[in-house]
Amino acid sequence: MQEYEKFSKKKEKMKACMAAMKKDIDGFAKKKEESWVKRLGSLGCPEESLEEEKEGLKASMVQATGDNQWLIEQGFQQVVIYFLHSNEFNSTLGDVYTKLLNYRKHLVLVAGFKLHESGQALEKSPLFRPEV
């Protein structure tokens, strides 16, 4: 029971500290806002021009967001299509595919020789496919 009372008191202290900190933070935010207003006033920038600039930036952001969306949805698809139809890519891909087929043939031949050395008939091997 005493532990519960201790924790309750600590909890109340924490709540009071949090409230005081929140009040200080709000005060800092208010002071910061006031200092910005003073600085803008001393710069001679009318608030209307700042609002116009803000609206212009919002419009630019909407345009950039739309461009990014198009790039993600359409642009990459176009790049991949051009890439897949390029001669450089297709010739390299053909070389890789040919080397892969040759390597597979080599593995099948090596496996066949090993089976023959172990005394098994080639016709019983799963790799033996004369129809191919």
C-alpha atoms as a PDB file:
ATOM      1  CA  MET A   1       0.000   0.000   0.000  1.00  0.00           C
ATOM      2  CA  GLN A   2       2.854   2.346   0.776  1.00  0.00           C
ATOM      3  CA  GLU A   3       4.345   1.676  -2.637  1.00  0.00           C
ATOM      4  CA  TYR A   4       1.074   2.650  -4.253  1.00  0.00           C
ATOM      5  CA  GLU A   5       1.030   5.933  -2.309  1.00  0.00           C
ATOM      6  CA  LYS A   6       4.662   6.583  -3.295  1.00  0.00           C
ATOM      7  CA  PHE A   7       3.906   6.012  -6.933  1.00  0.00           C
ATOM      8  CA  SER A   8       0.781   8.176  -6.715  1.00  0.00           C
ATOM      9  CA  LYS A   9       2.819  11.037  -5.251  1.00  0.00           C
ATOM     10  CA  LYS A  10       5.496  10.591  -7.921  1.00  0.00           C
ATOM     11  CA  LYS A  11       2.816  10.531 -10.580  1.00  0.00           C
ATOM     12  CA  GLU A  12       1.317  13.775  -9.283  1.00  0.00           C
ATOM     13  CA  LYS A  13       4.758  15.405  -9.208  1.00  0.00           C
ATOM     14  CA  MET A  14       5.384  14.258 -12.776  1.00  0.00           C
ATOM     15  CA  LYS A  15       2.052  15.687 -13.895  1.00  0.00           C
ATOM     16  CA  ALA A  16       2.871  19.019 -12.241  1.00  0.00           C
ATOM     17  CA  CYS A  17       6.330  19.081 -13.868  1.00  0.00           C
ATOM     18  CA  MET A  18       4.820  18.232 -17.252  1.00  0.00           C
ATOM     19  CA  ALA A  19       2.250  21.021 -16.895  1.00  0.00           C
ATOM     20  CA  ALA A  20       4.986  23.515 -15.963  1.00  0.00           C
ATOM     21  CA  MET A  21       7.133  22.398 -18.891  1.00  0.00           C
ATOM     22  CA  LYS A  22       4.192  22.669 -21.269  1.00  0.00           C
ATOM     23  CA  LYS A  23       3.513  26.197 -20.019  1.00  0.00           C
ATOM     24  CA  ASP A  24       7.194  27.096 -20.592  1.00  0.00           C
ATOM     25  CA  ILE A  25       7.141  25.600 -24.081  1.00  0.00           C
ATOM     26  CA  ASP A  26       3.988  27.507 -24.962  1.00  0.00           C
ATOM     27  CA  GLY A  27       5.629  30.683 -23.656  1.00  0.00           C
ATOM     28  CA  PHE A  28       8.713  30.054 -25.803  1.00  0.00           C
ATOM     29  CA  ALA A  29       6.541  29.475 -28.861  1.00  0.00           C
ATOM     30  CA  LYS A  30       4.684  32.708 -28.205  1.00  0.00           C
ATOM     31  CA  LYS A  31       7.939  34.646 -27.750  1.00  0.00           C
ATOM     32  CA  LYS A  32       9.314  33.132 -30.935  1.00  0.00           C
ATOM     33  CA  GLU A  33       6.183  34.116 -32.857  1.00  0.00           C
ATOM     34  CA  GLU A  34       6.388  37.667 -31.521  1.00  0.00           C
ATOM     35  CA  SER A  35      10.065  37.951 -32.453  1.00  0.00           C
ATOM     36  CA  TRP A  36       9.315  36.761 -36.002  1.00  0.00           C
ATOM     37  CA  VAL A  37       6.562  39.332 -36.320  1.00  0.00           C
ATOM     38  CA  LYS A  38       8.959  42.038 -35.143  1.00  0.00           C
ATOM     39  CA  ARG A  39      11.656  40.892 -37.565  1.00  0.00           C
ATOM     40  CA  LEU A  40       9.262  40.792 -40.506  1.00  0.00           C
ATOM     41  CA  GLY A  41       7.978  44.226 -39.587  1.00  0.00           C
ATOM     42  CA  SER A  42      11.524  45.574 -39.414  1.00  0.00           C
ATOM     43  CA  LEU A  43      12.348  44.089 -42.804  1.00  0.00           C
ATOM     44  CA  GLY A  44       9.569  46.051 -44.398  1.00  0.00           C
ATOM     45  CA  CYS A  45       7.857  43.028 -45.898  1.00  0.00           C
ATOM     46  CA  PRO A  46       4.138  43.516 -46.018  1.00  0.00           C
ATOM     47  CA  GLU A  47       2.208  40.506 -44.870  1.00  0.00           C
ATOM     48  CA  GLU A  48       0.202  40.454 -48.105  1.00  0.00           C
ATOM     49  CA  SER A  49       3.315  39.845 -50.200  1.00  0.00           C
ATOM     50  CA  LEU A  50       4.280  37.001 -47.902  1.00  0.00           C
ATOM     51  CA  GLU A  51       0.850  35.454 -48.321  1.00  0.00           C
ATOM     52  CA  GLU A  52       1.144  35.774 -52.120  1.00  0.00           C
ATOM     53  CA  GLU A  53       4.556  34.127 -51.990  1.00  0.00           C
ATOM     54  CA  LYS A  54       3.122  31.383 -49.799  1.00  0.00           C
ATOM     55  CA  GLU A  55       0.314  30.722 -52.291  1.00  0.00           C
ATOM     56  CA  GLY A  56       2.813  30.644 -55.157  1.00  0.00           C
ATOM     57  CA  LEU A  57       4.927  28.118 -53.291  1.00  0.00           C
ATOM     58  CA  LYS A  58       1.857  25.998 -52.597  1.00  0.00           C
ATOM     59  CA  ALA A  59       1.029  25.977 -56.310  1.00  0.00           C
ATOM     60  CA  SER A  60       4.612  24.984 -57.138  1.00  0.00           C
ATOM     61  CA  MET A  61       4.425  22.199 -54.577  1.00  0.00           C
ATOM     62  CA  VAL A  62       1.195  20.888 -56.115  1.00  0.00           C
ATOM     63  CA  GLN A  63       2.839  20.948 -59.567  1.00  0.00           C
ATOM     64  CA  ALA A  64       5.946  19.138 -58.259  1.00  0.00           C
ATOM     65  CA  THR A  65       3.787  16.554 -56.503  1.00  0.00           C
ATOM     66  CA  GLY A  66       1.875  15.927 -59.727  1.00  0.00           C
ATOM     67  CA  ASP A  67       5.122  15.603 -61.688  1.00  0.00           C
ATOM     68  CA  ASN A  68       6.501  13.162 -59.136  1.00  0.00           C
ATOM     69  CA  GLN A  69       3.302  11.120 -59.264  1.00  0.00           C
ATOM     70  CA  TRP A  70       3.461  10.951 -63.064  1.00  0.00           C
ATOM     71  CA  LEU A  71       7.115   9.960 -62.903  1.00  0.00           C
ATOM     72  CA  ILE A  72       6.352   7.141 -60.496  1.00  0.00           C
ATOM     73  CA  GLU A  73       3.290   5.889 -62.367  1.00  0.00           C
ATOM     74  CA  GLN A  74       4.269   6.470 -66.007  1.00  0.00           C
ATOM     75  CA  GLY A  75       7.879   7.589 -66.325  1.00  0.00           C
ATOM     76  CA  PHE A  76       9.582   4.526 -64.875  1.00  0.00           C
ATOM     77  CA  GLN A  77       7.414   2.301 -67.030  1.00  0.00           C
ATOM     78  CA  GLN A  78       8.588   4.165 -70.127  1.00  0.00           C
ATOM     79  CA  VAL A  79      12.214   3.910 -69.047  1.00  0.00           C
ATOM     80  CA  VAL A  80      11.913   0.162 -68.498  1.00  0.00           C
ATOM     81  CA  ILE A  81      10.182  -0.322 -71.866  1.00  0.00           C
ATOM     82  CA  TYR A  82      12.924   1.628 -73.691  1.00  0.00           C
ATOM     83  CA  PHE A  83      15.539  -0.304 -71.756  1.00  0.00           C
ATOM     84  CA  LEU A  84      14.023  -3.684 -72.638  1.00  0.00           C
ATOM     85  CA  HIS A  85      13.855  -2.751 -76.332  1.00  0.00           C
ATOM     86  CA  SER A  86      17.424  -1.461 -76.538  1.00  0.00           C
ATOM     87  CA  ASN A  87      19.934  -3.394 -78.640  1.00  0.00           C
ATOM     88  CA  GLU A  88      22.636  -3.175 -75.967  1.00  0.00           C
ATOM     89  CA  PHE A  89      20.461  -4.790 -73.323  1.00  0.00           C
ATOM     90  CA  ASN A  90      19.117  -7.496 -75.623  1.00  0.00           C
ATOM     91  CA  SER A  91      22.578  -8.450 -76.928  1.00  0.00           C
ATOM     92  CA  THR A  92      23.943  -8.685 -73.379  1.00  0.00           C
ATOM     93  CA  LEU A  93      20.920 -10.660 -72.253  1.00  0.00           C
ATOM     94  CA  GLY A  94      21.357 -13.027 -75.203  1.00  0.00           C
ATOM     95  CA  ASP A  95      25.018 -13.559 -74.258  1.00  0.00           C
ATOM     96  CA  VAL A  96      24.084 -14.338 -70.671  1.00  0.00           C
ATOM     97  CA  TYR A  97      21.354 -16.735 -71.786  1.00  0.00           C
ATOM     98  CA  THR A  98      23.722 -18.530 -74.190  1.00  0.00           C
ATOM     99  CA  LYS A  99      26.341 -18.896 -71.452  1.00  0.00           C
ATOM    100  CA  LEU A 100      23.685 -20.222 -69.093  1.00  0.00           C
ATOM    101  CA  LEU A 101      22.596 -22.850 -71.628  1.00  0.00           C
ATOM    102  CA  ASN A 102      26.200 -23.863 -72.270  1.00  0.00           C
ATOM    103  CA  TYR A 103      26.844 -24.132 -68.523  1.00  0.00           C
ATOM    104  CA  ARG A 104      23.744 -26.315 -68.091  1.00  0.00           C
ATOM    105  CA  LYS A 105      24.907 -28.569 -70.929  1.00  0.00           C
ATOM    106  CA  HIS A 106      28.304 -28.818 -69.245  1.00  0.00           C
ATOM    107  CA  LEU A 107      26.723 -29.784 -65.915  1.00  0.00           C
ATOM    108  CA  VAL A 108      24.587 -32.455 -67.598  1.00  0.00           C
ATOM    109  CA  LEU A 109      27.646 -33.912 -69.351  1.00  0.00           C
ATOM    110  CA  VAL A 110      29.665 -33.970 -66.116  1.00  0.00           C
ATOM    111  CA  ALA A 111      26.766 -35.635 -64.273  1.00  0.00           C
ATOM    112  CA  GLY A 112      26.467 -38.201 -67.089  1.00  0.00           C
ATOM    113  CA  PHE A 113      30.176 -39.013 -66.890  1.00  0.00           C
ATOM    114  CA  LYS A 114      29.941 -39.430 -63.108  1.00  0.00           C
ATOM    115  CA  LEU A 115      26.971 -41.774 -63.494  1.00  0.00           C
ATOM    116  CA  HIS A 116      28.843 -43.773 -66.134  1.00  0.00           C
ATOM    117  CA  GLU A 117      31.915 -44.013 -63.867  1.00  0.00           C
ATOM    118  CA  SER A 118      29.766 -45.259 -61.001  1.00  0.00           C
ATOM    119  CA  GLY A 119      28.458 -48.049 -63.224  1.00  0.00           C
ATOM    120  CA  GLN A 120      24.880 -46.881 -63.799  1.00  0.00           C
ATOM    121  CA  ALA A 121      23.308 -47.101 -67.229  1.00  0.00           C
ATOM    122  CA  LEU A 122      22.775 -43.691 -68.833  1.00  0.00           C
ATOM    123  CA  GLU A 123      19.226 -44.635 -69.836  1.00  0.00           C
ATOM    124  CA  LYS A 124      18.249 -44.830 -66.135  1.00  0.00           C
ATOM    125  CA  SER A 125      19.539 -41.335 -65.398  1.00  0.00           C
ATOM    126  CA  PRO A 126      16.926 -38.578 -64.990  1.00  0.00           C
ATOM    127  CA  LEU A 127      19.236 -36.357 -67.041  1.00  0.00           C
ATOM    128  CA  PHE A 128      19.146 -38.698 -70.059  1.00  0.00           C
ATOM    129  CA  ARG A 129      16.707 -37.259 -72.591  1.00  0.00           C
ATOM    130  CA  PRO A 130      17.505 -38.324 -76.135  1.00  0.00           C
ATOM    131  CA  GLU A 131      14.397 -36.580 -77.510  1.00  0.00           C
ATOM    132  CA  VAL A 132      15.922 -33.156 -76.760  1.00  0.00           C
END
